[in-house]
């Protein structure tokens, strides 16, 4: 990333009051044009032809929830670049963005922007994320918050496959079965009523 782009990011961060370092920054640079110049090593003239584009996206992080990466879905499509082609770019960033149906649809598209009937039917069979996991882990989060000693909670989380209890609580891929497993282990350790 060049210095002017970094300066622009810093200015945008200051303007929106963002102090969160977990922002999403994307930049693409392409070219279209003709360049005629002398090659210093051969002292011969060279001619270059191509297309050019600049693209920049800055999505600031959530200052109310530091440490969380914003969710971004982006699709860029250009037709008939000098009547010879198509530029098609896709981007999905963030745990929710990559697991929601829009991302599946985004990446299921062909270069022409369409989805064939078999792929469309398969997309409809993708199960929705388990929305109950968030509500189900709330009592566990409250017990963890009230606990004077967090180490036993971290030990239970580690035994269930998570680095820490906080990592378990902030995981966006939890299912009801995952929460039940940790909840059962917490009850067995007398950390939940």
N, C-alpha and C. Protein backbone atom coordinates (compact mmCIF):
# COMPACT_ATOMS: atom_id res chain seq x y z
N UNK A 1 0.86 -1.17 0.00
CA UNK A 1 0.00 0.00 0.00
C UNK A 1 0.90 1.23 0.00
N UNK A 2 0.64 2.18 -0.89
CA UNK A 2 1.52 3.34 -0.95
C UNK A 2 1.19 4.36 0.13
N UNK A 3 2.08 5.35 0.28
CA UNK A 3 1.95 6.32 1.37
C UNK A 3 0.69 7.17 1.24
N UNK A 4 0.31 7.54 0.03
CA UNK A 4 -0.89 8.37 -0.12
C UNK A 4 -2.14 7.60 0.28
N UNK A 5 -2.18 6.31 -0.01
CA UNK A 5 -3.32 5.50 0.39
C UNK A 5 -3.38 5.36 1.91
N UNK A 6 -2.22 5.17 2.55
CA UNK A 6 -2.18 5.09 4.01
C UNK A 6 -2.62 6.41 4.64
N UNK A 7 -2.22 7.52 4.03
CA UNK A 7 -2.64 8.83 4.53
C UNK A 7 -4.15 9.00 4.41
N UNK A 8 -4.70 8.54 3.31
CA UNK A 8 -6.14 8.61 3.11
C UNK A 8 -6.88 7.78 4.16
N UNK A 9 -6.38 6.59 4.45
CA UNK A 9 -6.99 5.74 5.48
C UNK A 9 -6.93 6.42 6.84
N UNK A 10 -5.78 7.02 7.17
CA UNK A 10 -5.64 7.71 8.45
C UNK A 10 -6.61 8.89 8.54
N UNK A 11 -6.76 9.64 7.45
CA UNK A 11 -7.68 10.77 7.43
C UNK A 11 -9.12 10.30 7.59
N UNK A 12 -9.50 9.24 6.89
CA UNK A 12 -10.86 8.72 7.01
C UNK A 12 -11.13 8.21 8.41
N UNK A 13 -10.15 7.55 9.01
CA UNK A 13 -10.31 7.06 10.38
C UNK A 13 -10.52 8.22 11.34
N UNK A 14 -9.75 9.27 11.17
CA UNK A 14 -9.88 10.44 12.06
C UNK A 14 -11.23 11.11 11.87
N UNK A 15 -11.70 11.19 10.61
CA UNK A 15 -12.98 11.85 10.34
C UNK A 15 -14.16 11.10 10.95
N UNK A 16 -14.09 9.76 10.97
CA UNK A 16 -15.23 9.01 11.51
C UNK A 16 -15.00 8.64 12.98
N UNK A 17 -13.91 9.11 13.56
CA UNK A 17 -13.66 8.87 14.98
C UNK A 17 -13.32 7.42 15.27
N UNK A 18 -12.75 6.73 14.31
CA UNK A 18 -12.46 5.31 14.49
C UNK A 18 -11.09 5.13 15.13
N UNK A 19 -11.08 4.48 16.27
CA UNK A 19 -9.81 4.14 16.90
C UNK A 19 -9.62 2.63 16.87
N UNK A 20 -10.56 1.93 16.31
CA UNK A 20 -10.51 0.47 16.23
C UNK A 20 -9.58 0.07 15.09
N UNK A 21 -8.61 -0.78 15.39
CA UNK A 21 -7.66 -1.21 14.37
C UNK A 21 -8.20 -2.35 13.53
N UNK A 22 -9.40 -2.84 13.83
CA UNK A 22 -9.96 -3.96 13.10
C UNK A 22 -10.91 -3.46 12.01
N UNK A 23 -10.41 -2.63 11.14
CA UNK A 23 -11.17 -2.14 10.01
C UNK A 23 -10.81 -2.98 8.80
N UNK A 24 -11.64 -2.92 7.77
CA UNK A 24 -11.36 -3.63 6.53
C UNK A 24 -10.97 -2.61 5.48
N UNK A 25 -9.83 -2.80 4.88
CA UNK A 25 -9.33 -1.92 3.84
C UNK A 25 -9.02 -2.78 2.62
N UNK A 26 -9.62 -2.44 1.50
CA UNK A 26 -9.32 -3.15 0.26
C UNK A 26 -8.92 -2.14 -0.80
N UNK A 27 -8.03 -2.55 -1.65
CA UNK A 27 -7.58 -1.67 -2.72
C UNK A 27 -7.22 -2.53 -3.91
N UNK A 28 -7.64 -2.11 -5.09
CA UNK A 28 -7.30 -2.80 -6.33
C UNK A 28 -6.82 -1.74 -7.31
N UNK A 29 -5.82 -2.06 -8.08
CA UNK A 29 -5.34 -1.12 -9.09
C UNK A 29 -5.11 -1.89 -10.37
N UNK A 30 -5.66 -1.38 -11.45
CA UNK A 30 -5.53 -1.99 -12.76
C UNK A 30 -5.25 -0.86 -13.74
N UNK A 31 -4.90 -1.12 -14.95
CA UNK A 31 -4.60 -0.06 -15.90
C UNK A 31 -5.19 -0.27 -17.27
N UNK A 32 -5.49 0.81 -17.98
CA UNK A 32 -5.96 0.77 -19.37
C UNK A 32 -5.39 2.00 -20.05
N UNK A 33 -4.62 1.79 -21.06
CA UNK A 33 -4.04 2.93 -21.77
C UNK A 33 -2.87 2.50 -22.62
N UNK A 34 -2.20 3.52 -23.16
CA UNK A 34 -1.04 3.30 -24.01
C UNK A 34 0.12 4.07 -23.40
N UNK A 35 1.25 3.44 -23.33
CA UNK A 35 2.44 4.08 -22.80
C UNK A 35 3.57 3.86 -23.80
N UNK A 36 4.19 4.95 -24.20
CA UNK A 36 5.36 4.86 -25.08
C UNK A 36 6.51 5.49 -24.32
N UNK A 37 7.58 4.73 -24.16
CA UNK A 37 8.74 5.25 -23.43
C UNK A 37 10.00 4.56 -23.90
N UNK A 38 11.12 5.16 -23.54
CA UNK A 38 12.41 4.57 -23.88
C UNK A 38 12.86 3.68 -22.74
N UNK A 39 13.28 2.47 -23.07
CA UNK A 39 13.79 1.56 -22.08
C UNK A 39 15.24 1.96 -21.80
N UNK A 40 15.55 2.34 -20.55
CA UNK A 40 16.91 2.81 -20.24
C UNK A 40 17.99 1.76 -20.47
N UNK A 41 17.66 0.51 -20.30
CA UNK A 41 18.70 -0.52 -20.46
C UNK A 41 18.99 -0.85 -21.92
N UNK A 42 17.97 -0.80 -22.78
CA UNK A 42 18.20 -1.13 -24.20
C UNK A 42 18.26 0.11 -25.08
N UNK A 43 17.83 1.24 -24.57
CA UNK A 43 17.73 2.51 -25.30
C UNK A 43 16.84 2.39 -26.54
N UNK A 44 15.89 1.46 -26.48
CA UNK A 44 14.90 1.31 -27.54
C UNK A 44 13.55 1.78 -27.00
N UNK A 45 12.69 2.23 -27.91
CA UNK A 45 11.36 2.67 -27.49
C UNK A 45 10.45 1.45 -27.34
N UNK A 46 9.60 1.52 -26.32
CA UNK A 46 8.64 0.46 -26.06
C UNK A 46 7.24 1.06 -26.04
N UNK A 47 6.29 0.27 -26.47
CA UNK A 47 4.90 0.70 -26.41
C UNK A 47 4.12 -0.34 -25.62
N UNK A 48 3.34 0.13 -24.66
CA UNK A 48 2.51 -0.75 -23.84
C UNK A 48 1.06 -0.33 -23.99
N UNK A 49 0.18 -1.34 -24.00
CA UNK A 49 -1.25 -1.09 -24.11
C UNK A 49 -1.96 -1.95 -23.08
N UNK A 50 -2.96 -1.40 -22.40
CA UNK A 50 -3.71 -2.16 -21.41
C UNK A 50 -4.82 -1.31 -20.81
N UNK A 51 -5.51 -1.83 -19.83
CA UNK A 51 -6.56 -1.06 -19.16
C UNK A 51 -6.16 -0.83 -17.71
N UNK A 52 -6.74 0.17 -17.09
CA UNK A 52 -6.39 0.58 -15.74
C UNK A 52 -7.63 0.88 -14.93
N UNK A 53 -7.65 0.52 -13.66
CA UNK A 53 -8.74 0.90 -12.77
C UNK A 53 -8.19 1.02 -11.36
N UNK A 54 -8.77 1.88 -10.58
CA UNK A 54 -8.45 2.00 -9.17
C UNK A 54 -9.72 1.73 -8.39
N UNK A 55 -9.55 1.13 -7.25
CA UNK A 55 -10.71 0.82 -6.42
C UNK A 55 -10.21 0.85 -4.99
N UNK A 56 -10.99 1.43 -4.11
CA UNK A 56 -10.60 1.52 -2.72
C UNK A 56 -11.84 1.41 -1.85
N UNK A 57 -11.78 0.59 -0.82
CA UNK A 57 -12.89 0.48 0.12
C UNK A 57 -12.33 0.50 1.53
N UNK A 58 -12.93 1.31 2.38
CA UNK A 58 -12.54 1.39 3.78
C UNK A 58 -13.81 1.20 4.61
N UNK A 59 -13.86 0.14 5.39
CA UNK A 59 -15.01 -0.13 6.26
C UNK A 59 -14.50 -0.07 7.69
N UNK A 60 -14.86 0.99 8.42
CA UNK A 60 -14.35 1.12 9.79
C UNK A 60 -14.92 0.06 10.71
N UNK A 61 -14.13 -0.35 11.70
CA UNK A 61 -14.58 -1.31 12.69
C UNK A 61 -15.61 -0.69 13.61
N UNK A 62 -16.27 -1.52 14.37
CA UNK A 62 -17.30 -1.09 15.31
C UNK A 62 -16.64 -0.63 16.60
N UNK A 63 -16.67 0.66 16.88
CA UNK A 63 -16.02 1.18 18.08
C UNK A 63 -16.75 0.74 19.35
N UNK A 64 -17.99 0.31 19.24
CA UNK A 64 -18.73 -0.20 20.41
C UNK A 64 -18.34 -1.64 20.75
N UNK A 65 -17.76 -2.33 19.78
CA UNK A 65 -17.33 -3.72 19.99
C UNK A 65 -15.90 -3.87 19.47
N UNK A 66 -14.92 -3.31 20.19
CA UNK A 66 -13.54 -3.38 19.72
C UNK A 66 -13.08 -4.83 19.57
N UNK A 67 -12.25 -5.04 18.58
CA UNK A 67 -11.72 -6.38 18.35
C UNK A 67 -12.53 -7.19 17.37
N UNK A 68 -13.70 -6.69 16.96
CA UNK A 68 -14.50 -7.42 15.99
C UNK A 68 -14.24 -6.86 14.60
N UNK A 69 -14.10 -7.74 13.66
CA UNK A 69 -13.86 -7.34 12.27
C UNK A 69 -15.21 -7.10 11.61
N UNK A 70 -15.37 -5.97 10.91
CA UNK A 70 -16.65 -5.73 10.25
C UNK A 70 -16.90 -6.75 9.14
N UNK A 71 -18.15 -6.99 8.88
CA UNK A 71 -18.53 -7.91 7.83
C UNK A 71 -18.74 -7.15 6.54
N UNK A 72 -18.11 -7.62 5.48
CA UNK A 72 -18.16 -6.92 4.19
C UNK A 72 -18.43 -7.91 3.08
N UNK A 73 -19.40 -7.61 2.25
CA UNK A 73 -19.62 -8.33 1.00
C UNK A 73 -19.45 -7.32 -0.12
N UNK A 74 -18.71 -7.67 -1.14
CA UNK A 74 -18.49 -6.73 -2.23
C UNK A 74 -18.46 -7.51 -3.54
N UNK A 75 -19.01 -6.94 -4.56
CA UNK A 75 -18.95 -7.54 -5.89
C UNK A 75 -18.75 -6.42 -6.89
N UNK A 76 -17.79 -6.57 -7.76
CA UNK A 76 -17.53 -5.58 -8.80
C UNK A 76 -17.59 -6.31 -10.13
N UNK A 77 -18.28 -5.73 -11.06
CA UNK A 77 -18.42 -6.37 -12.36
C UNK A 77 -18.31 -5.29 -13.43
N UNK A 78 -17.45 -5.45 -14.40
CA UNK A 78 -17.32 -4.51 -15.51
C UNK A 78 -17.49 -5.29 -16.80
N UNK A 79 -18.26 -4.76 -17.68
CA UNK A 79 -18.51 -5.42 -18.95
C UNK A 79 -17.75 -4.70 -20.07
N UNK A 80 -17.43 -5.43 -21.10
CA UNK A 80 -16.89 -4.90 -22.35
C UNK A 80 -15.70 -3.97 -22.16
N UNK A 81 -14.69 -4.40 -21.44
CA UNK A 81 -13.46 -3.63 -21.35
C UNK A 81 -12.83 -3.67 -22.73
N UNK A 82 -12.95 -2.56 -23.43
CA UNK A 82 -12.52 -2.43 -24.82
C UNK A 82 -13.11 -3.54 -25.70
N UNK A 83 -14.33 -3.92 -25.38
CA UNK A 83 -15.10 -4.93 -26.12
C UNK A 83 -14.40 -6.27 -26.17
N UNK A 84 -13.55 -6.50 -25.19
CA UNK A 84 -12.85 -7.77 -25.24
C UNK A 84 -12.91 -8.56 -23.94
N UNK A 85 -13.66 -8.09 -22.98
CA UNK A 85 -13.61 -8.88 -21.77
C UNK A 85 -14.46 -8.36 -20.65
N UNK A 86 -14.26 -8.94 -19.54
CA UNK A 86 -15.07 -8.71 -18.37
C UNK A 86 -14.18 -8.79 -17.15
N UNK A 87 -14.33 -7.88 -16.22
CA UNK A 87 -13.63 -7.95 -14.94
C UNK A 87 -14.68 -8.30 -13.91
N UNK A 88 -14.47 -9.33 -13.15
CA UNK A 88 -15.44 -9.77 -12.16
C UNK A 88 -14.69 -10.06 -10.88
N UNK A 89 -14.97 -9.33 -9.84
CA UNK A 89 -14.25 -9.47 -8.58
C UNK A 89 -15.23 -9.74 -7.45
N UNK A 90 -14.89 -10.60 -6.51
CA UNK A 90 -15.74 -10.90 -5.37
C UNK A 90 -14.90 -10.77 -4.11
N UNK A 91 -15.53 -10.41 -3.02
CA UNK A 91 -14.84 -10.30 -1.74
C UNK A 91 -15.84 -10.51 -0.63
N UNK A 92 -15.52 -11.36 0.31
CA UNK A 92 -16.33 -11.54 1.51
C UNK A 92 -15.36 -11.57 2.69
N UNK A 93 -15.56 -10.67 3.65
CA UNK A 93 -14.68 -10.56 4.82
C UNK A 93 -15.54 -10.55 6.07
N UNK A 94 -15.11 -11.25 7.09
CA UNK A 94 -15.83 -11.27 8.35
C UNK A 94 -16.58 -12.58 8.53
N UNK A 95 -16.64 -13.05 9.77
CA UNK A 95 -17.22 -14.37 10.03
C UNK A 95 -18.69 -14.46 9.65
N UNK A 96 -19.45 -13.38 9.84
CA UNK A 96 -20.86 -13.42 9.46
C UNK A 96 -21.03 -13.30 7.94
N UNK A 97 -20.20 -12.48 7.32
CA UNK A 97 -20.31 -12.27 5.88
C UNK A 97 -20.07 -13.56 5.12
N UNK A 98 -19.07 -14.33 5.53
CA UNK A 98 -18.74 -15.53 4.77
C UNK A 98 -19.69 -16.69 5.05
N UNK A 99 -20.50 -16.60 6.12
CA UNK A 99 -21.40 -17.71 6.44
C UNK A 99 -22.86 -17.43 6.14
N UNK A 100 -23.17 -16.27 5.61
CA UNK A 100 -24.57 -15.96 5.33
C UNK A 100 -24.89 -16.26 3.86
N UNK A 101 -26.18 -16.42 3.54
CA UNK A 101 -26.56 -16.85 2.19
C UNK A 101 -26.07 -15.92 1.07
N UNK A 102 -25.93 -14.63 1.35
CA UNK A 102 -25.46 -13.71 0.32
C UNK A 102 -24.07 -14.05 -0.16
N UNK A 103 -23.20 -14.48 0.74
CA UNK A 103 -21.84 -14.86 0.34
C UNK A 103 -21.87 -16.12 -0.50
N UNK A 104 -22.69 -17.08 -0.12
CA UNK A 104 -22.81 -18.31 -0.91
C UNK A 104 -23.27 -17.98 -2.33
N UNK A 105 -24.25 -17.08 -2.44
CA UNK A 105 -24.75 -16.68 -3.76
C UNK A 105 -23.66 -15.93 -4.53
N UNK A 106 -22.94 -15.07 -3.84
CA UNK A 106 -21.88 -14.28 -4.48
C UNK A 106 -20.83 -15.19 -5.12
N UNK A 107 -20.41 -16.21 -4.38
CA UNK A 107 -19.35 -17.08 -4.89
C UNK A 107 -19.87 -18.20 -5.77
N UNK A 108 -21.18 -18.39 -5.83
CA UNK A 108 -21.75 -19.42 -6.70
C UNK A 108 -21.94 -18.91 -8.12
N UNK A 109 -21.87 -17.61 -8.31
CA UNK A 109 -22.06 -17.04 -9.64
C UNK A 109 -20.92 -17.40 -10.57
N UNK A 110 -21.26 -17.57 -11.83
CA UNK A 110 -20.25 -17.77 -12.85
C UNK A 110 -19.69 -16.43 -13.30
N UNK A 111 -18.74 -16.47 -14.22
CA UNK A 111 -18.13 -15.24 -14.72
C UNK A 111 -19.13 -14.33 -15.41
N UNK A 112 -20.23 -14.91 -15.90
CA UNK A 112 -21.25 -14.11 -16.58
C UNK A 112 -22.22 -13.48 -15.59
N UNK A 113 -22.06 -13.76 -14.29
CA UNK A 113 -22.93 -13.19 -13.27
C UNK A 113 -24.16 -14.02 -12.99
N UNK A 114 -24.33 -15.11 -13.72
CA UNK A 114 -25.51 -15.95 -13.54
C UNK A 114 -25.23 -17.17 -12.67
N UNK A 115 -26.29 -17.80 -12.21
CA UNK A 115 -26.19 -19.03 -11.43
C UNK A 115 -26.99 -20.10 -12.16
N UNK A 116 -26.34 -21.23 -12.44
CA UNK A 116 -27.05 -22.29 -13.15
C UNK A 116 -28.10 -22.92 -12.23
N UNK A 117 -29.14 -23.55 -12.79
CA UNK A 117 -30.25 -24.09 -11.98
C UNK A 117 -29.81 -25.10 -10.92
N UNK A 118 -28.83 -25.95 -11.22
CA UNK A 118 -28.38 -26.93 -10.22
C UNK A 118 -27.72 -26.23 -9.02
N UNK A 119 -26.93 -25.22 -9.27
CA UNK A 119 -26.28 -24.49 -8.19
C UNK A 119 -27.31 -23.74 -7.37
N UNK A 120 -28.30 -23.14 -8.04
CA UNK A 120 -29.36 -22.42 -7.32
C UNK A 120 -30.12 -23.37 -6.40
N UNK A 121 -30.42 -24.57 -6.87
CA UNK A 121 -31.12 -25.56 -6.04
C UNK A 121 -30.26 -25.98 -4.85
N UNK A 122 -28.95 -26.12 -5.07
CA UNK A 122 -28.05 -26.49 -3.97
C UNK A 122 -27.96 -25.38 -2.94
N UNK A 123 -27.98 -24.13 -3.39
CA UNK A 123 -27.94 -22.99 -2.46
C UNK A 123 -29.15 -22.98 -1.54
N UNK A 124 -30.30 -23.37 -2.07
CA UNK A 124 -31.51 -23.39 -1.26
C UNK A 124 -31.46 -24.47 -0.18
N UNK A 125 -30.61 -25.47 -0.37
CA UNK A 125 -30.50 -26.56 0.62
C UNK A 125 -29.48 -26.27 1.71
N UNK A 126 -28.74 -25.16 1.63
CA UNK A 126 -27.76 -24.82 2.67
C UNK A 126 -28.52 -24.47 3.93
N UNK A 127 -28.23 -25.14 5.04
CA UNK A 127 -28.96 -24.82 6.27
C UNK A 127 -28.61 -23.44 6.80
N UNK A 128 -29.61 -22.79 7.38
CA UNK A 128 -29.38 -21.48 7.98
C UNK A 128 -28.52 -21.62 9.21
N UNK A 129 -27.70 -20.60 9.54
CA UNK A 129 -26.91 -20.67 10.76
C UNK A 129 -27.82 -20.82 11.98
N UNK A 130 -27.31 -21.48 13.00
CA UNK A 130 -28.08 -21.73 14.22
C UNK A 130 -28.23 -20.43 14.99
N UNK A 131 -29.37 -19.77 14.83
CA UNK A 131 -29.60 -18.48 15.49
C UNK A 131 -29.79 -18.63 16.98
N UNK A 132 -30.13 -19.83 17.46
CA UNK A 132 -30.36 -20.03 18.88
C UNK A 132 -29.11 -20.04 19.73
N UNK A 133 -27.95 -20.22 19.12
CA UNK A 133 -26.72 -20.32 19.90
C UNK A 133 -26.43 -19.04 20.66
N UNK A 134 -26.72 -17.90 20.09
CA UNK A 134 -26.43 -16.64 20.77
C UNK A 134 -27.26 -16.51 22.04
N UNK A 135 -28.55 -16.77 21.95
CA UNK A 135 -29.41 -16.68 23.13
C UNK A 135 -29.05 -17.74 24.16
N UNK A 136 -28.65 -18.92 23.68
CA UNK A 136 -28.33 -20.02 24.59
C UNK A 136 -27.05 -19.80 25.36
N UNK A 137 -26.10 -19.05 24.78
CA UNK A 137 -24.85 -18.84 25.51
C UNK A 137 -24.91 -17.62 26.44
N UNK A 138 -26.01 -16.88 26.43
CA UNK A 138 -26.14 -15.70 27.29
C UNK A 138 -26.00 -16.03 28.78
N UNK A 139 -26.68 -17.08 29.30
CA UNK A 139 -26.49 -17.40 30.73
C UNK A 139 -25.05 -17.78 31.07
N UNK A 140 -24.37 -18.42 30.13
CA UNK A 140 -22.98 -18.80 30.34
C UNK A 140 -22.10 -17.56 30.40
N UNK A 141 -22.38 -16.59 29.52
CA UNK A 141 -21.62 -15.34 29.51
C UNK A 141 -21.85 -14.56 30.81
N UNK A 142 -23.08 -14.55 31.29
CA UNK A 142 -23.38 -13.85 32.54
C UNK A 142 -22.67 -14.49 33.73
N UNK A 143 -22.66 -15.82 33.79
CA UNK A 143 -21.96 -16.52 34.87
C UNK A 143 -20.46 -16.24 34.82
N UNK A 144 -19.91 -16.23 33.62
CA UNK A 144 -18.49 -15.94 33.43
C UNK A 144 -18.15 -14.53 33.88
N UNK A 145 -19.02 -13.59 33.52
CA UNK A 145 -18.79 -12.18 33.87
C UNK A 145 -18.81 -11.99 35.40
N UNK A 146 -19.69 -12.68 36.09
CA UNK A 146 -19.82 -12.53 37.54
C UNK A 146 -18.74 -13.28 38.32
N UNK A 147 -18.12 -14.25 37.71
CA UNK A 147 -17.14 -15.09 38.41
C UNK A 147 -15.89 -14.30 38.77
N UNK A 148 -15.46 -14.34 40.04
CA UNK A 148 -14.24 -13.64 40.42
C UNK A 148 -12.99 -14.32 39.84
N UNK A 149 -13.05 -15.63 39.66
CA UNK A 149 -11.91 -16.37 39.12
C UNK A 149 -12.31 -16.93 37.75
N UNK A 150 -11.70 -16.44 36.71
CA UNK A 150 -12.04 -16.85 35.34
C UNK A 150 -11.30 -18.12 34.91
N UNK A 151 -10.27 -18.51 35.63
CA UNK A 151 -9.43 -19.64 35.23
C UNK A 151 -10.23 -20.95 35.07
N UNK A 152 -11.16 -21.29 35.98
CA UNK A 152 -11.92 -22.54 35.77
C UNK A 152 -12.75 -22.52 34.48
N UNK A 153 -13.26 -21.35 34.11
CA UNK A 153 -14.03 -21.23 32.86
C UNK A 153 -13.12 -21.46 31.65
N UNK A 154 -11.91 -20.89 31.72
CA UNK A 154 -10.96 -21.09 30.63
C UNK A 154 -10.56 -22.55 30.51
N UNK A 155 -10.42 -23.24 31.66
CA UNK A 155 -10.06 -24.66 31.65
C UNK A 155 -11.16 -25.50 30.99
N UNK A 156 -12.43 -25.20 31.32
CA UNK A 156 -13.55 -25.92 30.70
C UNK A 156 -13.57 -25.65 29.20
N UNK A 157 -13.39 -24.39 28.81
CA UNK A 157 -13.40 -24.04 27.38
C UNK A 157 -12.28 -24.77 26.65
N UNK A 158 -11.11 -24.82 27.25
CA UNK A 158 -9.97 -25.49 26.63
C UNK A 158 -10.26 -26.99 26.46
N UNK A 159 -10.89 -27.59 27.48
CA UNK A 159 -11.25 -29.02 27.39
C UNK A 159 -12.28 -29.27 26.29
N UNK A 160 -13.06 -28.24 25.95
CA UNK A 160 -14.08 -28.37 24.91
C UNK A 160 -13.58 -27.93 23.53
N UNK A 161 -12.28 -27.58 23.45
CA UNK A 161 -11.70 -27.25 22.14
C UNK A 161 -11.53 -25.78 21.83
N UNK A 162 -11.64 -24.89 22.82
CA UNK A 162 -11.48 -23.46 22.59
C UNK A 162 -10.25 -22.98 23.35
N UNK A 163 -9.59 -21.95 22.85
CA UNK A 163 -8.39 -21.43 23.52
C UNK A 163 -8.72 -20.86 24.89
N UNK A 164 -9.80 -20.10 24.96
CA UNK A 164 -10.23 -19.48 26.21
C UNK A 164 -11.76 -19.47 26.24
N UNK A 165 -12.33 -19.14 27.39
CA UNK A 165 -13.78 -19.04 27.46
C UNK A 165 -14.27 -17.85 26.64
N UNK A 166 -13.48 -16.78 26.63
CA UNK A 166 -13.84 -15.61 25.81
C UNK A 166 -13.87 -15.99 24.33
N UNK A 167 -12.94 -16.84 23.90
CA UNK A 167 -12.93 -17.29 22.50
C UNK A 167 -14.18 -18.10 22.19
N UNK A 168 -14.62 -18.91 23.15
CA UNK A 168 -15.87 -19.66 22.98
C UNK A 168 -17.04 -18.70 22.83
N UNK A 169 -17.12 -17.70 23.71
CA UNK A 169 -18.24 -16.77 23.70
C UNK A 169 -18.31 -15.94 22.42
N UNK A 170 -17.17 -15.62 21.84
CA UNK A 170 -17.16 -14.75 20.66
C UNK A 170 -17.13 -15.52 19.35
N UNK A 171 -17.11 -16.85 19.42
CA UNK A 171 -17.11 -17.63 18.20
C UNK A 171 -18.43 -17.44 17.46
N UNK A 172 -18.34 -17.17 16.17
CA UNK A 172 -19.55 -16.95 15.37
C UNK A 172 -20.04 -18.22 14.70
N UNK A 173 -19.35 -19.33 14.90
CA UNK A 173 -19.75 -20.57 14.25
C UNK A 173 -20.38 -21.56 15.21
N UNK A 174 -20.74 -21.11 16.40
CA UNK A 174 -21.31 -22.00 17.40
C UNK A 174 -22.69 -22.49 16.99
N UNK A 175 -22.97 -23.73 17.36
CA UNK A 175 -24.31 -24.29 17.21
C UNK A 175 -24.87 -24.54 18.60
N UNK A 176 -26.14 -24.88 18.67
CA UNK A 176 -26.75 -25.20 19.96
C UNK A 176 -26.04 -26.38 20.61
N UNK A 177 -25.58 -27.33 19.81
CA UNK A 177 -24.87 -28.50 20.34
C UNK A 177 -23.55 -28.08 20.99
N UNK A 178 -22.85 -27.11 20.39
CA UNK A 178 -21.59 -26.62 20.97
C UNK A 178 -21.85 -25.97 22.32
N UNK A 179 -22.89 -25.15 22.39
CA UNK A 179 -23.21 -24.46 23.64
C UNK A 179 -23.63 -25.48 24.70
N UNK A 180 -24.39 -26.49 24.31
CA UNK A 180 -24.81 -27.53 25.25
C UNK A 180 -23.62 -28.29 25.81
N UNK A 181 -22.64 -28.57 24.96
CA UNK A 181 -21.43 -29.28 25.39
C UNK A 181 -20.69 -28.49 26.47
N UNK A 182 -20.49 -27.19 26.23
CA UNK A 182 -19.78 -26.34 27.20
C UNK A 182 -20.63 -26.16 28.45
N UNK A 183 -21.91 -25.97 28.28
CA UNK A 183 -22.82 -25.81 29.42
C UNK A 183 -22.80 -27.04 30.32
N UNK A 184 -22.83 -28.22 29.72
CA UNK A 184 -22.79 -29.47 30.49
C UNK A 184 -21.47 -29.59 31.26
N UNK A 185 -20.36 -29.20 30.60
CA UNK A 185 -19.07 -29.25 31.26
C UNK A 185 -18.98 -28.24 32.40
N UNK A 186 -19.59 -27.07 32.23
CA UNK A 186 -19.60 -26.06 33.30
C UNK A 186 -20.42 -26.56 34.50
N UNK A 187 -21.54 -27.22 34.22
CA UNK A 187 -22.36 -27.77 35.30
C UNK A 187 -21.62 -28.87 36.05
N UNK A 188 -20.90 -29.71 35.31
CA UNK A 188 -20.13 -30.79 35.93
C UNK A 188 -19.01 -30.23 36.81
N UNK A 189 -18.51 -29.04 36.47
CA UNK A 189 -17.46 -28.40 37.28
C UNK A 189 -18.04 -27.48 38.34
N UNK A 190 -19.36 -27.54 38.52
CA UNK A 190 -20.08 -26.69 39.50
C UNK A 190 -19.87 -25.19 39.25
N UNK A 191 -19.78 -24.83 37.97
CA UNK A 191 -19.65 -23.42 37.61
C UNK A 191 -20.97 -22.83 37.14
N UNK A 192 -21.96 -23.68 36.94
CA UNK A 192 -23.32 -23.25 36.57
C UNK A 192 -24.30 -23.98 37.47
N UNK A 193 -25.41 -23.32 37.84
CA UNK A 193 -26.42 -24.00 38.66
C UNK A 193 -27.14 -25.09 37.89
